[in-house]
Amino acid sequence: MRRRAGESITIGEGIEIEVLEVSGTRVKLGIVAPDSVVIMRKETRITRDENLSAARSVEPRLISSLLRKLSR
């Protein structure tokens, strides 16, 4: 699907994605969605998921110990 600046697409009843600007290889998008819909860049989600996974692998006692040391 091709869209130009000022054109948009809709997803379902409540989500609209508008092409705001196209410049070279960059595209700026505007997204209108209900508050219940989380909008996040994919690379940000991947980094968050990796951080959560790494945090789960650390023993809770170690985290408590580190936090106590930081608070001194």
Protein backbone atom coordinates (compact mmCIF):
# COMPACT_ATOMS: atom_id res chain seq x y z
CA MET A 1 0.00 0.00 0.00
CA ARG A 2 1.40 3.39 -0.93
CA ARG A 3 0.48 6.59 0.84
CA ARG A 4 1.62 10.16 0.37
CA ALA A 5 1.94 12.92 2.96
CA GLY A 6 -1.53 13.87 4.18
CA GLU A 7 -3.01 10.45 3.37
CA SER A 8 -3.91 7.88 6.00
CA ILE A 9 -5.06 4.35 6.63
CA THR A 10 -7.38 3.02 9.31
CA ILE A 11 -7.11 -0.18 11.30
CA GLY A 12 -10.40 -1.37 12.71
CA GLU A 13 -12.71 1.30 14.05
CA GLY A 14 -10.40 3.23 16.35
CA ILE A 15 -6.91 3.44 14.88
CA GLU A 16 -5.77 5.85 12.18
CA ILE A 17 -2.23 6.16 10.84
CA GLU A 18 -1.45 9.28 8.82
CA VAL A 19 1.66 9.96 6.77
CA LEU A 20 2.74 13.39 8.00
CA GLU A 21 5.94 13.86 6.03
CA VAL A 22 8.14 11.99 3.58
CA SER A 23 11.73 13.15 3.21
CA GLY A 24 14.30 11.00 1.41
CA THR A 25 14.32 7.67 3.22
CA ARG A 26 12.51 9.01 6.30
CA VAL A 27 8.79 8.94 6.97
CA LYS A 28 6.98 10.68 9.84
CA LEU A 29 3.76 9.04 10.96
CA GLY A 30 0.95 10.32 13.12
CA ILE A 31 -1.10 7.75 15.03
CA VAL A 32 -4.53 8.26 16.57
CA ALA A 33 -5.68 5.38 18.76
CA PRO A 34 -7.67 4.74 21.93
CA ASP A 35 -5.79 5.16 25.22
CA SER A 36 -6.03 1.40 25.76
CA VAL A 37 -3.77 0.76 22.73
CA VAL A 38 -0.04 0.81 23.50
CA ILE A 39 1.99 2.38 20.69
CA MET A 40 5.70 1.60 20.80
CA ARG A 41 8.53 1.36 18.29
CA LYS A 42 9.51 -2.25 17.66
CA GLU A 43 13.16 -1.74 18.62
CA THR A 44 12.05 -0.19 21.92
CA ARG A 45 9.81 -3.19 22.64
CA ILE A 46 12.65 -5.62 21.85
CA THR A 47 15.04 -3.78 24.19
CA ARG A 48 12.40 -3.70 26.95
CA ASP A 49 11.73 -7.43 26.58
CA GLU A 50 15.47 -8.22 26.68
CA ASN A 51 15.91 -6.10 29.82
CA LEU A 52 12.97 -7.79 31.55
CA SER A 53 14.32 -11.22 30.65
CA ALA A 54 17.77 -10.36 32.01
CA ALA A 55 16.27 -8.95 35.21
CA ARG A 56 14.27 -12.14 35.78
CA SER A 57 17.44 -14.24 35.61
CA VAL A 58 19.05 -12.36 38.54
CA GLU A 59 18.39 -13.75 42.01
CA PRO A 60 16.17 -11.48 44.15
CA ARG A 61 18.72 -11.64 47.04
CA LEU A 62 21.39 -10.21 44.75
CA ILE A 63 19.12 -7.35 43.70
CA SER A 64 18.28 -6.57 47.35
CA SER A 65 21.97 -6.58 48.23
CA LEU A 66 22.82 -4.23 45.35
CA LEU A 67 19.99 -1.85 46.25
CA ARG A 68 21.16 -1.71 49.88
CA LYS A 69 24.69 -0.86 48.73
CA LEU A 70 23.39 1.91 46.45
CA SER A 71 21.30 3.48 49.20
CA ARG A 72 24.30 3.91 51.56
